[in-house]
Amino acid sequence: QVQLVESGGGLVQAGGSLRLSCVASGSMSTIFAQGWYRQAPGKQRDLVASITRNGLTNYADSVKGRFTISRDNAKNTVYLQMNSLKPEDTAVYYCHARNYINRDYWGQGTQVTVSS
């Protein structure tokens, strides 16, 4: 089992920045990728960014050049640095982890609201 706890959401003006954190605990040796998804009201949950165990990253086209995913292995923490935020980035952001047999784990979500 893996537990994920997010923090760092909030309200920010357009053009501002936020950093989300996700602390993981449990059977971390079974995890090969972690990332962030987001879900806006009435929309599906979409991938924002991911990072594999060996450091390969992937980003949604809409956030490339503005968001950066990183991790601190010693702290079992994954970060999402979000810069140049836009109102369309408003959503609930979920921390995600996937293990080697494709089981998914989710955090409880953290709200990010970007005002225009």
PDB file of N, CA and C in Angstrom:
ATOM      1  N   GLN A   1       0.840  -1.193   0.000  1.00  0.00           N
ATOM      2  CA  GLN A   1       0.000   0.000   0.000  1.00  0.00           C
ATOM      3  C   GLN A   1       0.877   1.246   0.000  1.00  0.00           C
ATOM      4  N   VAL A   2       0.354   2.281  -0.636  1.00  0.00           N
ATOM      5  CA  VAL A   2       1.035   3.573  -0.692  1.00  0.00           C
ATOM      6  C   VAL A   2       0.034   4.654  -0.319  1.00  0.00           C
ATOM      7  N   GLN A   3       0.457   5.582   0.522  1.00  0.00           N
ATOM      8  CA  GLN A   3      -0.389   6.710   0.902  1.00  0.00           C
ATOM      9  C   GLN A   3       0.241   7.996   0.375  1.00  0.00           C
ATOM     10  N   LEU A   4      -0.611   8.867  -0.138  1.00  0.00           N
ATOM     11  CA  LEU A   4      -0.159  10.129  -0.726  1.00  0.00           C
ATOM     12  C   LEU A   4      -0.908  11.281  -0.073  1.00  0.00           C
ATOM     13  N   VAL A   5      -0.162  12.296   0.340  1.00  0.00           N
ATOM     14  CA  VAL A   5      -0.777  13.457   0.976  1.00  0.00           C
ATOM     15  C   VAL A   5      -0.265  14.719   0.290  1.00  0.00           C
ATOM     16  N   GLU A   6      -1.198  15.472  -0.314  1.00  0.00           N
ATOM     17  CA  GLU A   6      -0.830  16.698  -1.016  1.00  0.00           C
ATOM     18  C   GLU A   6      -0.950  17.908  -0.099  1.00  0.00           C
ATOM     19  N   SER A   7      -0.234  18.946  -0.476  1.00  0.00           N
ATOM     20  CA  SER A   7      -0.373  20.245   0.167  1.00  0.00           C
ATOM     21  C   SER A   7       0.110  21.310  -0.810  1.00  0.00           C
ATOM     22  N   GLY A   8      -0.230  22.562  -0.510  1.00  0.00           N
ATOM     23  CA  GLY A   8       0.299  23.662  -1.291  1.00  0.00           C
ATOM     24  C   GLY A   8      -0.677  24.348  -2.207  1.00  0.00           C
ATOM     25  N   GLY A   9      -1.908  23.869  -2.291  1.00  0.00           N
ATOM     26  CA  GLY A   9      -2.874  24.551  -3.134  1.00  0.00           C
ATOM     27  C   GLY A   9      -3.304  25.870  -2.528  1.00  0.00           C
ATOM     28  N   GLY A  10      -4.114  26.614  -3.282  1.00  0.00           N
ATOM     29  CA  GLY A  10      -4.603  27.882  -2.776  1.00  0.00           C
ATOM     30  C   GLY A  10      -5.102  28.763  -3.882  1.00  0.00           C
ATOM     31  N   LEU A  11      -5.285  30.029  -3.537  1.00  0.00           N
ATOM     32  CA  LEU A  11      -5.779  31.045  -4.466  1.00  0.00           C
ATOM     33  C   LEU A  11      -4.625  31.949  -4.874  1.00  0.00           C
ATOM     34  N   VAL A  12      -4.482  32.162  -6.170  1.00  0.00           N
ATOM     35  CA  VAL A  12      -3.404  33.010  -6.669  1.00  0.00           C
ATOM     36  C   VAL A  12      -3.905  33.791  -7.872  1.00  0.00           C
ATOM     37  N   GLN A  13      -3.337  34.944  -8.095  1.00  0.00           N
ATOM     38  CA  GLN A  13      -3.716  35.735  -9.266  1.00  0.00           C
ATOM     39  C   GLN A  13      -3.024  35.193 -10.519  1.00  0.00           C
ATOM     40  N   ALA A  14      -3.622  35.453 -11.637  1.00  0.00           N
ATOM     41  CA  ALA A  14      -3.015  35.050 -12.907  1.00  0.00           C
ATOM     42  C   ALA A  14      -1.606  35.632 -13.008  1.00  0.00           C
ATOM     43  N   GLY A  15      -0.690  34.779 -13.487  1.00  0.00           N
ATOM     44  CA  GLY A  15       0.705  35.169 -13.580  1.00  0.00           C
ATOM     45  C   GLY A  15       1.525  34.784 -12.360  1.00  0.00           C
ATOM     46  N   GLY A  16       0.845  34.384 -11.307  1.00  0.00           N
ATOM     47  CA  GLY A  16       1.528  34.015 -10.080  1.00  0.00           C
ATOM     48  C   GLY A  16       2.039  32.588 -10.093  1.00  0.00           C
ATOM     49  N   SER A  17       2.561  32.171  -8.930  1.00  0.00           N
ATOM     50  CA  SER A  17       3.170  30.851  -8.806  1.00  0.00           C
ATOM     51  C   SER A  17       2.659  30.143  -7.553  1.00  0.00           C
ATOM     52  N   LEU A  18       2.670  28.832  -7.628  1.00  0.00           N
ATOM     53  CA  LEU A  18       2.390  27.977  -6.478  1.00  0.00           C
ATOM     54  C   LEU A  18       3.276  26.742  -6.583  1.00  0.00           C
ATOM     55  N   ARG A  19       3.575  26.144  -5.440  1.00  0.00           N
ATOM     56  CA  ARG A  19       4.281  24.863  -5.443  1.00  0.00           C
ATOM     57  C   ARG A  19       3.462  23.849  -4.658  1.00  0.00           C
ATOM     58  N   LEU A  20       3.134  22.766  -5.327  1.00  0.00           N
ATOM     59  CA  LEU A  20       2.435  21.669  -4.686  1.00  0.00           C
ATOM     60  C   LEU A  20       3.441  20.625  -4.213  1.00  0.00           C
ATOM     61  N   SER A  21       3.124  20.016  -3.078  1.00  0.00           N
ATOM     62  CA  SER A  21       3.970  18.944  -2.543  1.00  0.00           C
ATOM     63  C   SER A  21       3.126  17.703  -2.331  1.00  0.00           C
ATOM     64  N   CYS A  22       3.747  16.559  -2.515  1.00  0.00           N
ATOM     65  CA  CYS A  22       3.071  15.278  -2.278  1.00  0.00           C
ATOM     66  C   CYS A  22       4.034  14.377  -1.518  1.00  0.00           C
ATOM     67  N   VAL A  23       3.682  14.100  -0.270  1.00  0.00           N
ATOM     68  CA  VAL A  23       4.496  13.217   0.549  1.00  0.00           C
ATOM     69  C   VAL A  23       3.931  11.809   0.450  1.00  0.00           C
ATOM     70  N   ALA A  24       4.793  10.872   0.109  1.00  0.00           N
ATOM     71  CA  ALA A  24       4.382   9.480  -0.045  1.00  0.00           C
ATOM     72  C   ALA A  24       4.914   8.638   1.102  1.00  0.00           C
ATOM     73  N   SER A  25       4.152   7.623   1.449  1.00  0.00           N
ATOM     74  CA  SER A  25       4.593   6.679   2.473  1.00  0.00           C
ATOM     75  C   SER A  25       4.067   5.296   2.116  1.00  0.00           C
ATOM     76  N   GLY A  26       4.677   4.284   2.705  1.00  0.00           N
ATOM     77  CA  GLY A  26       4.269   2.918   2.427  1.00  0.00           C
ATOM     78  C   GLY A  26       5.294   2.200   1.572  1.00  0.00           C
ATOM     79  N   SER A  27       4.809   1.347   0.688  1.00  0.00           N
ATOM     80  CA  SER A  27       5.675   0.474  -0.116  1.00  0.00           C
ATOM     81  C   SER A  27       6.241   1.219  -1.321  1.00  0.00           C
ATOM     82  N   MET A  28       7.120   2.173  -1.047  1.00  0.00           N
ATOM     83  CA  MET A  28       7.633   3.025  -2.115  1.00  0.00           C
ATOM     84  C   MET A  28       8.528   2.269  -3.091  1.00  0.00           C
ATOM     85  N   SER A  29       9.124   1.164  -2.655  1.00  0.00           N
ATOM     86  CA  SER A  29       9.994   0.408  -3.559  1.00  0.00           C
ATOM     87  C   SER A  29       9.225  -0.208  -4.715  1.00  0.00           C
ATOM     88  N   THR A  30       7.886  -0.265  -4.595  1.00  0.00           N
ATOM     89  CA  THR A  30       7.064  -0.847  -5.660  1.00  0.00           C
ATOM     90  C   THR A  30       6.617   0.187  -6.690  1.00  0.00           C
ATOM     91  N   ILE A  31       6.918   1.445  -6.431  1.00  0.00           N
ATOM     92  CA  ILE A  31       6.448   2.528  -7.288  1.00  0.00           C
ATOM     93  C   ILE A  31       7.457   2.812  -8.399  1.00  0.00           C
ATOM     94  N   PHE A  32       6.983   2.900  -9.658  1.00  0.00           N
ATOM     95  CA  PHE A  32       7.907   3.237 -10.733  1.00  0.00           C
ATOM     96  C   PHE A  32       7.635   4.617 -11.322  1.00  0.00           C
ATOM     97  N   ALA A  33       6.492   5.219 -11.002  1.00  0.00           N
ATOM     98  CA  ALA A  33       6.219   6.561 -11.518  1.00  0.00           C
ATOM     99  C   ALA A  33       5.290   7.305 -10.569  1.00  0.00           C
ATOM    100  N   GLN A  34       5.503   8.606 -10.480  1.00  0.00           N
ATOM    101  CA  GLN A  34       4.623   9.473  -9.707  1.00  0.00           C
ATOM    102  C   GLN A  34       4.288  10.679 -10.556  1.00  0.00           C
ATOM    103  N   GLY A  35       3.217  11.342 -10.192  1.00  0.00           N
ATOM    104  CA  GLY A  35       2.860  12.503 -10.990  1.00  0.00           C
ATOM    105  C   GLY A  35       1.706  13.276 -10.400  1.00  0.00           C
ATOM    106  N   TRP A  36       1.225  14.204 -11.205  1.00  0.00           N
ATOM    107  CA  TRP A  36       0.106  15.067 -10.839  1.00  0.00           C
ATOM    108  C   TRP A  36      -0.934  15.043 -11.942  1.00  0.00           C
ATOM    109  N   TYR A  37      -2.181  14.928 -11.525  1.00  0.00           N
ATOM    110  CA  TYR A  37      -3.321  15.058 -12.410  1.00  0.00           C
ATOM    111  C   TYR A  37      -4.156  16.234 -11.916  1.00  0.00           C
ATOM    112  N   ARG A  38      -5.051  16.711 -12.777  1.00  0.00           N
ATOM    113  CA  ARG A  38      -5.978  17.745 -12.332  1.00  0.00           C
ATOM    114  C   ARG A  38      -7.344  17.518 -12.938  1.00  0.00           C
ATOM    115  N   GLN A  39      -8.343  17.999 -12.214  1.00  0.00           N
ATOM    116  CA  GLN A  39      -9.720  17.853 -12.676  1.00  0.00           C
ATOM    117  C   GLN A  39     -10.478  19.139 -12.394  1.00  0.00           C
ATOM    118  N   ALA A  40     -10.939  19.768 -13.462  1.00  0.00           N
ATOM    119  CA  ALA A  40     -11.766  20.960 -13.349  1.00  0.00           C
ATOM    120  C   ALA A  40     -13.233  20.535 -13.298  1.00  0.00           C
ATOM    121  N   PRO A  41     -14.100  21.382 -12.780  1.00  0.00           N
ATOM    122  CA  PRO A  41     -15.525  21.034 -12.685  1.00  0.00           C
ATOM    123  C   PRO A  41     -16.103  20.638 -14.039  1.00  0.00           C
ATOM    124  N   GLY A  42     -16.771  19.493 -14.081  1.00  0.00           N
ATOM    125  CA  GLY A  42     -17.400  19.036 -15.304  1.00  0.00           C
ATOM    126  C   GLY A  42     -16.472  18.445 -16.332  1.00  0.00           C
ATOM    127  N   LYS A  43     -15.200  18.288 -15.972  1.00  0.00           N
ATOM    128  CA  LYS A  43     -14.221  17.759 -16.927  1.00  0.00           C
ATOM    129  C   LYS A  43     -13.587  16.495 -16.370  1.00  0.00           C
ATOM    130  N   GLN A  44     -12.924  15.753 -17.247  1.00  0.00           N
ATOM    131  CA  GLN A  44     -12.245  14.537 -16.807  1.00  0.00           C
ATOM    132  C   GLN A  44     -10.932  14.880 -16.125  1.00  0.00           C
ATOM    133  N   ARG A  45     -10.412  13.894 -15.415  1.00  0.00           N
ATOM    134  CA  ARG A  45      -9.123  14.065 -14.741  1.00  0.00           C
ATOM    135  C   ARG A  45      -8.022  13.815 -15.762  1.00  0.00           C
ATOM    136  N   ASP A  46      -7.130  14.781 -15.911  1.00  0.00           N
ATOM    137  CA  ASP A  46      -6.073  14.700 -16.918  1.00  0.00           C
ATOM    138  C   ASP A  46      -4.693  14.764 -16.294  1.00  0.00           C
ATOM    139  N   LEU A  47      -3.745  14.128 -16.957  1.00  0.00           N
ATOM    140  CA  LEU A  47      -2.357  14.175 -16.527  1.00  0.00           C
ATOM    141  C   LEU A  47      -1.803  15.582 -16.702  1.00  0.00           C
ATOM    142  N   VAL A  48      -1.096  16.052 -15.685  1.00  0.00           N
ATOM    143  CA  VAL A  48      -0.392  17.329 -15.766  1.00  0.00           C
ATOM    144  C   VAL A  48       1.097  17.076 -16.000  1.00  0.00           C
ATOM    145  N   ALA A  49       1.688  16.248 -15.146  1.00  0.00           N
ATOM    146  CA  ALA A  49       3.114  15.943 -15.252  1.00  0.00           C
ATOM    147  C   ALA A  49       3.400  14.648 -14.517  1.00  0.00           C
ATOM    148  N   SER A  50       4.436  13.952 -14.970  1.00  0.00           N
ATOM    149  CA  SER A  50       4.834  12.714 -14.300  1.00  0.00           C
ATOM    150  C   SER A  50       6.346  12.595 -14.307  1.00  0.00           C
ATOM    151  N   ILE A  51       6.849  11.782 -13.391  1.00  0.00           N
ATOM    152  CA  ILE A  51       8.278  11.519 -13.302  1.00  0.00           C
ATOM    153  C   ILE A  51       8.468  10.052 -12.938  1.00  0.00           C
ATOM    154  N   THR A  52       9.327   9.375 -13.689  1.00  0.00           N
ATOM    155  CA  THR A  52       9.558   7.962 -13.433  1.00  0.00           C
ATOM    156  C   THR A  52      10.649   7.777 -12.379  1.00  0.00           C
ATOM    157  N   ARG A  53      10.828   6.531 -11.993  1.00  0.00           N
ATOM    158  CA  ARG A  53      11.812   6.217 -10.962  1.00  0.00           C
ATOM    159  C   ARG A  53      13.220   6.628 -11.383  1.00  0.00           C
ATOM    160  N   ASN A  54      13.490   6.570 -12.696  1.00  0.00           N
ATOM    161  CA  ASN A  54      14.826   6.958 -13.152  1.00  0.00           C
ATOM    162  C   ASN A  54      14.883   8.396 -13.636  1.00  0.00           C
ATOM    163  N   GLY A  55      13.844   9.182 -13.324  1.00  0.00           N
ATOM    164  CA  GLY A  55      13.925  10.621 -13.545  1.00  0.00           C
ATOM    165  C   GLY A  55      13.366  11.142 -14.847  1.00  0.00           C
ATOM    166  N   LEU A  56      12.786  10.282 -15.663  1.00  0.00           N
ATOM    167  CA  LEU A  56      12.204  10.765 -16.908  1.00  0.00           C
ATOM    168  C   LEU A  56      10.902  11.513 -16.619  1.00  0.00           C
ATOM    169  N   THR A  57      10.761  12.666 -17.240  1.00  0.00           N
ATOM    170  CA  THR A  57       9.577  13.494 -16.993  1.00  0.00           C
ATOM    171  C   THR A  57       8.713  13.599 -18.247  1.00  0.00           C
ATOM    172  N   ASN A  58       7.443  13.878 -18.004  1.00  0.00           N
ATOM    173  CA  ASN A  58       6.479  14.053 -19.080  1.00  0.00           C
ATOM    174  C   ASN A  58       5.496  15.131 -18.646  1.00  0.00           C
ATOM    175  N   TYR A  59       5.127  16.000 -19.596  1.00  0.00           N
ATOM    176  CA  TYR A  59       4.233  17.112 -19.281  1.00  0.00           C
ATOM    177  C   TYR A  59       3.095  17.190 -20.291  1.00  0.00           C
ATOM    178  N   ALA A  60       1.954  17.635 -19.815  1.00  0.00           N
ATOM    179  CA  ALA A  60       0.874  17.986 -20.731  1.00  0.00           C
ATOM    180  C   ALA A  60       1.315  19.197 -21.545  1.00  0.00           C
ATOM    181  N   ASP A  61       0.893  19.263 -22.796  1.00  0.00           N
ATOM    182  CA  ASP A  61       1.297  20.374 -23.658  1.00  0.00           C
ATOM    183  C   ASP A  61       0.904  21.726 -23.059  1.00  0.00           C
ATOM    184  N   SER A  62      -0.222  21.756 -22.363  1.00  0.00           N
ATOM    185  CA  SER A  62      -0.746  23.021 -21.847  1.00  0.00           C
ATOM    186  C   SER A  62       0.107  23.600 -20.720  1.00  0.00           C
ATOM    187  N   VAL A  63       0.995  22.794 -20.138  1.00  0.00           N
ATOM    188  CA  VAL A  63       1.797  23.305 -19.013  1.00  0.00           C
ATOM    189  C   VAL A  63       3.294  23.324 -19.313  1.00  0.00           C
ATOM    190  N   LYS A  64       3.681  22.838 -20.472  1.00  0.00           N
ATOM    191  CA  LYS A  64       5.106  22.813 -20.808  1.00  0.00           C
ATOM    192  C   LYS A  64       5.680  24.223 -20.786  1.00  0.00           C
ATOM    193  N   GLY A  65       6.838  24.350 -20.151  1.00  0.00           N
ATOM    194  CA  GLY A  65       7.494  25.641 -20.046  1.00  0.00           C
ATOM    195  C   GLY A  65       7.024  26.468 -18.856  1.00  0.00           C
ATOM    196  N   ARG A  66       5.946  26.028 -18.214  1.00  0.00           N
ATOM    197  CA  ARG A  66       5.429  26.776 -17.048  1.00  0.00           C
ATOM    198  C   ARG A  66       5.506  25.952 -15.758  1.00  0.00           C
ATOM    199  N   PHE A  67       5.292  24.655 -15.862  1.00  0.00           N
ATOM    200  CA  PHE A  67       5.293  23.778 -14.690  1.00  0.00           C
ATOM    201  C   PHE A  67       6.538  22.896 -14.710  1.00  0.00           C
ATOM    202  N   THR A  68       7.024  22.577 -13.520  1.00  0.00           N
ATOM    203  CA  THR A  68       8.169  21.676 -13.388  1.00  0.00           C
ATOM    204  C   THR A  68       7.893  20.662 -12.290  1.00  0.00           C
ATOM    205  N   ILE A  69       8.058  19.390 -12.621  1.00  0.00           N
ATOM    206  CA  ILE A  69       7.913  18.328 -11.628  1.00  0.00           C
ATOM    207  C   ILE A  69       9.307  17.907 -11.165  1.00  0.00           C
ATOM    208  N   SER A  70       9.417  17.653  -9.880  1.00  0.00           N
ATOM    209  CA  SER A  70      10.687  17.214  -9.326  1.00  0.00           C
ATOM    210  C   SER A  70      10.409  16.357  -8.102  1.00  0.00           C
ATOM    211  N   ARG A  71      11.449  15.751  -7.567  1.00  0.00           N
ATOM    212  CA  ARG A  71      11.249  14.920  -6.379  1.00  0.00           C
ATOM    213  C   ARG A  71      12.482  14.949  -5.508  1.00  0.00           C
ATOM    214  N   ASP A  72      12.233  14.695  -4.250  1.00  0.00           N
ATOM    215  CA  ASP A  72      13.298  14.559  -3.263  1.00  0.00           C
ATOM    216  C   ASP A  72      13.165  13.144  -2.700  1.00  0.00           C
ATOM    217  N   ASN A  73      14.019  12.250  -3.157  1.00  0.00           N
ATOM    218  CA  ASN A  73      13.895  10.849  -2.753  1.00  0.00           C
ATOM    219  C   ASN A  73      14.094  10.661  -1.255  1.00  0.00           C
ATOM    220  N   ALA A  74      14.961  11.467  -0.668  1.00  0.00           N
ATOM    221  CA  ALA A  74      15.229  11.328   0.766  1.00  0.00           C
ATOM    222  C   ALA A  74      13.982  11.651   1.588  1.00  0.00           C
ATOM    223  N   LYS A  75      13.123  12.516   1.047  1.00  0.00           N
ATOM    224  CA  LYS A  75      11.907  12.921   1.754  1.00  0.00           C
ATOM    225  C   LYS A  75      10.658  12.235   1.200  1.00  0.00           C
ATOM    226  N   ASN A  76      10.839  11.352   0.206  1.00  0.00           N
ATOM    227  CA  ASN A  76       9.689  10.703  -0.441  1.00  0.00           C
ATOM    228  C   ASN A  76       8.640  11.728  -0.870  1.00  0.00           C
ATOM    229  N   THR A  77       9.115  12.809  -1.433  1.00  0.00           N
ATOM    230  CA  THR A  77       8.239  13.930  -1.793  1.00  0.00           C
ATOM    231  C   THR A  77       8.405  14.280  -3.261  1.00  0.00           C
ATOM    232  N   VAL A  78       7.274  14.491  -3.919  1.00  0.00           N
ATOM    233  CA  VAL A  78       7.247  14.970  -5.293  1.00  0.00           C
ATOM    234  C   VAL A  78       6.648  16.375  -5.289  1.00  0.00           C
ATOM    235  N   TYR A  79       7.235  17.251  -6.069  1.00  0.00           N
ATOM    236  CA  TYR A  79       6.807  18.638  -6.122  1.00  0.00           C
ATOM    237  C   TYR A  79       6.290  18.985  -7.521  1.00  0.00           C
ATOM    238  N   LEU A  80       5.410  19.950  -7.567  1.00  0.00           N
ATOM    239  CA  LEU A  80       4.985  20.534  -8.828  1.00  0.00           C
ATOM    240  C   LEU A  80       5.093  22.044  -8.685  1.00  0.00           C
ATOM    241  N   GLN A  81       6.116  22.601  -9.311  1.00  0.00           N
ATOM    242  CA  GLN A  81       6.278  24.055  -9.321  1.00  0.00           C
ATOM    243  C   GLN A  81       5.480  24.608 -10.483  1.00  0.00           C
ATOM    244  N   MET A  82       4.546  25.488 -10.178  1.00  0.00           N
ATOM    245  CA  MET A  82       3.652  26.040 -11.195  1.00  0.00           C
ATOM    246  C   MET A  82       3.894  27.545 -11.299  1.00  0.00           C
ATOM    247  N   ASN A  83       4.377  27.971 -12.450  1.00  0.00           N
ATOM    248  CA  ASN A  83       4.641  29.390 -12.699  1.00  0.00           C
ATOM    249  C   ASN A  83       3.728  29.902 -13.805  1.00  0.00           C
ATOM    250  N   SER A  84       3.638  31.204 -13.897  1.00  0.00           N
ATOM    251  CA  SER A  84       2.820  31.840 -14.934  1.00  0.00           C
ATOM    252  C   SER A  84       1.423  31.226 -14.989  1.00  0.00           C
ATOM    253  N   LEU A  85       0.807  31.104 -13.843  1.00  0.00           N
ATOM    254  CA  LEU A  85      -0.497  30.447 -13.759  1.00  0.00           C
ATOM    255  C   LEU A  85      -1.562  31.228 -14.509  1.00  0.00           C
ATOM    256  N   LYS A  86      -2.487  30.460 -15.086  1.00  0.00           N
ATOM    257  CA  LYS A  86      -3.586  31.025 -15.852  1.00  0.00           C
ATOM    258  C   LYS A  86      -4.917  30.593 -15.228  1.00  0.00           C
ATOM    259  N   PRO A  87      -5.975  31.357 -15.469  1.00  0.00           N
ATOM    260  CA  PRO A  87      -7.281  30.944 -14.924  1.00  0.00           C
ATOM    261  C   PRO A  87      -7.672  29.524 -15.341  1.00  0.00           C
ATOM    262  N   GLU A  88      -7.266  29.102 -16.523  1.00  0.00           N
ATOM    263  CA  GLU A  88      -7.612  27.748 -16.974  1.00  0.00           C
ATOM    264  C   GLU A  88      -6.838  26.656 -16.248  1.00  0.00           C
ATOM    265  N   ASP A  89      -5.883  27.029 -15.406  1.00  0.00           N
ATOM    266  CA  ASP A  89      -5.201  26.049 -14.561  1.00  0.00           C
ATOM    267  C   ASP A  89      -6.015  25.726 -13.303  1.00  0.00           C
ATOM    268  N   THR A  90      -7.101  26.446 -13.092  1.00  0.00           N
ATOM    269  CA  THR A  90      -7.947  26.213 -11.926  1.00  0.00           C
ATOM    270  C   THR A  90      -8.521  24.803 -11.961  1.00  0.00           C
ATOM    271  N   ALA A  91      -8.296  24.060 -10.883  1.00  0.00           N
ATOM    272  CA  ALA A  91      -8.740  22.666 -10.819  1.00  0.00           C
ATOM    273  C   ALA A  91      -8.377  22.107  -9.448  1.00  0.00           C
ATOM    274  N   VAL A  92      -8.867  20.907  -9.189  1.00  0.00           N
ATOM    275  CA  VAL A  92      -8.364  20.132  -8.065  1.00  0.00           C
ATOM    276  C   VAL A  92      -7.190  19.309  -8.590  1.00  0.00           C
ATOM    277  N   TYR A  93      -6.075  19.416  -7.926  1.00  0.00           N
ATOM    278  CA  TYR A  93      -4.860  18.714  -8.328  1.00  0.00           C
ATOM    279  C   TYR A  93      -4.665  17.488  -7.435  1.00  0.00           C
ATOM    280  N   TYR A  94      -4.437  16.351  -8.087  1.00  0.00           N
ATOM    281  CA  TYR A  94      -4.285  15.083  -7.383  1.00  0.00           C
ATOM    282  C   TYR A  94      -2.892  14.521  -7.582  1.00  0.00           C
ATOM    283  N   CYS A  95      -2.302  14.117  -6.507  1.00  0.00           N
ATOM    284  CA  CYS A  95      -1.042  13.380  -6.569  1.00  0.00           C
ATOM    285  C   CYS A  95      -1.341  11.939  -6.952  1.00  0.00           C
ATOM    286  N   HIS A  96      -0.474  11.360  -7.754  1.00  0.00           N
ATOM    287  CA  HIS A  96      -0.693  10.009  -8.274  1.00  0.00           C
ATOM    288  C   HIS A  96       0.590   9.196  -8.203  1.00  0.00           C
ATOM    289  N   ALA A  97       0.436   7.914  -7.989  1.00  0.00           N
ATOM    290  CA  ALA A  97       1.569   6.991  -8.054  1.00  0.00           C
ATOM    291  C   ALA A  97       1.093   5.691  -8.691  1.00  0.00           C
ATOM    292  N   ARG A  98       1.989   5.075  -9.431  1.00  0.00           N
ATOM    293  CA  ARG A  98       1.669   3.796 -10.077  1.00  0.00           C
ATOM    294  C   ARG A  98       2.761   2.800  -9.773  1.00  0.00           C
ATOM    295  N   ASN A  99       2.349   1.570  -9.443  1.00  0.00           N
ATOM    296  CA  ASN A  99       3.367   0.564  -9.151  1.00  0.00           C
ATOM    297  C   ASN A  99       3.643  -0.305 -10.384  1.00  0.00           C
ATOM    298  N   TYR A 100       4.520  -1.278 -10.205  1.00  0.00           N
ATOM    299  CA  TYR A 100       5.001  -2.068 -11.338  1.00  0.00           C
ATOM    300  C   TYR A 100       3.952  -3.007 -11.919  1.00  0.00           C
ATOM    301  N   ILE A 101       2.809  -3.180 -11.218  1.00  0.00           N
ATOM    302  CA  ILE A 101       1.732  -3.989 -11.792  1.00  0.00           C
ATOM    303  C   ILE A 101       0.542  -3.102 -12.149  1.00  0.00           C
ATOM    304  N   ASN A 102       0.857  -1.812 -12.392  1.00  0.00           N
ATOM    305  CA  ASN A 102      -0.130  -0.831 -12.865  1.00  0.00           C
ATOM    306  C   ASN A 102      -1.277  -0.575 -11.904  1.00  0.00           C
ATOM    307  N   ARG A 103      -1.004  -0.701 -10.625  1.00  0.00           N
ATOM    308  CA  ARG A 103      -2.008  -0.277  -9.649  1.00  0.00           C
ATOM    309  C   ARG A 103      -1.785   1.207  -9.369  1.00  0.00           C
ATOM    310  N   ASP A 104      -2.874   1.952  -9.350  1.00  0.00           N
ATOM    311  CA  ASP A 104      -2.820   3.395  -9.142  1.00  0.00           C
ATOM    312  C   ASP A 104      -3.187   3.765  -7.706  1.00  0.00           C
ATOM    313  N   TYR A 105      -2.480   4.759  -7.200  1.00  0.00           N
ATOM    314  CA  TYR A 105      -2.771   5.333  -5.891  1.00  0.00           C
ATOM    315  C   TYR A 105      -3.014   6.831  -6.076  1.00  0.00           C
ATOM    316  N   TRP A 106      -3.919   7.374  -5.264  1.00  0.00           N
ATOM    317  CA  TRP A 106      -4.292   8.789  -5.384  1.00  0.00           C
ATOM    318  C   TRP A 106      -4.274   9.475  -4.037  1.00  0.00           C
ATOM    319  N   GLY A 107      -3.904  10.750  -4.063  1.00  0.00           N
ATOM    320  CA  GLY A 107      -4.060  11.579  -2.895  1.00  0.00           C
ATOM    321  C   GLY A 107      -5.482  12.103  -2.825  1.00  0.00           C
ATOM    322  N   GLN A 108      -5.737  12.916  -1.800  1.00  0.00           N
ATOM    323  CA  GLN A 108      -7.102  13.412  -1.577  1.00  0.00           C
ATOM    324  C   GLN A 108      -7.429  14.616  -2.433  1.00  0.00           C
ATOM    325  N   GLY A 109      -6.413  15.226  -3.033  1.00  0.00           N
ATOM    326  CA  GLY A 109      -6.618  16.385  -3.887  1.00  0.00           C
ATOM    327  C   GLY A 109      -6.424  17.689  -3.146  1.00  0.00           C
ATOM    328  N   THR A 110      -5.946  18.688  -3.878  1.00  0.00           N
ATOM    329  CA  THR A 110      -5.785  20.025  -3.327  1.00  0.00           C
ATOM    330  C   THR A 110      -6.268  21.037  -4.366  1.00  0.00           C
ATOM    331  N   GLN A 111      -7.045  22.007  -3.919  1.00  0.00           N
ATOM    332  CA  GLN A 111      -7.662  22.974  -4.834  1.00  0.00           C
ATOM    333  C   GLN A 111      -6.659  24.054  -5.216  1.00  0.00           C
ATOM    334  N   VAL A 112      -6.572  24.320  -6.504  1.00  0.00           N
ATOM    335  CA  VAL A 112      -5.810  25.454  -7.032  1.00  0.00           C
ATOM    336  C   VAL A 112      -6.788  26.352  -7.783  1.00  0.00           C
ATOM    337  N   THR A 113      -6.847  27.607  -7.366  1.00  0.00           N
ATOM    338  CA  THR A 113      -7.732  28.572  -8.013  1.00  0.00           C
ATOM    339  C   THR A 113      -6.909  29.756  -8.486  1.00  0.00           C
ATOM    340  N   VAL A 114      -7.022  30.062  -9.769  1.00  0.00           N
ATOM    341  CA  VAL A 114      -6.286  31.175 -10.363  1.00  0.00           C
ATOM    342  C   VAL A 114      -7.297  32.220 -10.793  1.00  0.00           C
ATOM    343  N   SER A 115      -7.195  33.386 -10.204  1.00  0.00           N
ATOM    344  CA  SER A 115      -8.127  34.465 -10.529  1.00  0.00           C
ATOM    345  C   SER A 115      -7.569  35.330 -11.651  1.00  0.00           C
ATOM    346  N   SER A 116      -8.473  35.862 -12.451  1.00  0.00           N
ATOM    347  CA  SER A 116      -8.044  36.692 -13.591  1.00  0.00           C
ATOM    348  C   SER A 116      -7.934  38.152 -13.206  1.00  0.00           C
TER     349      SER A 116
END
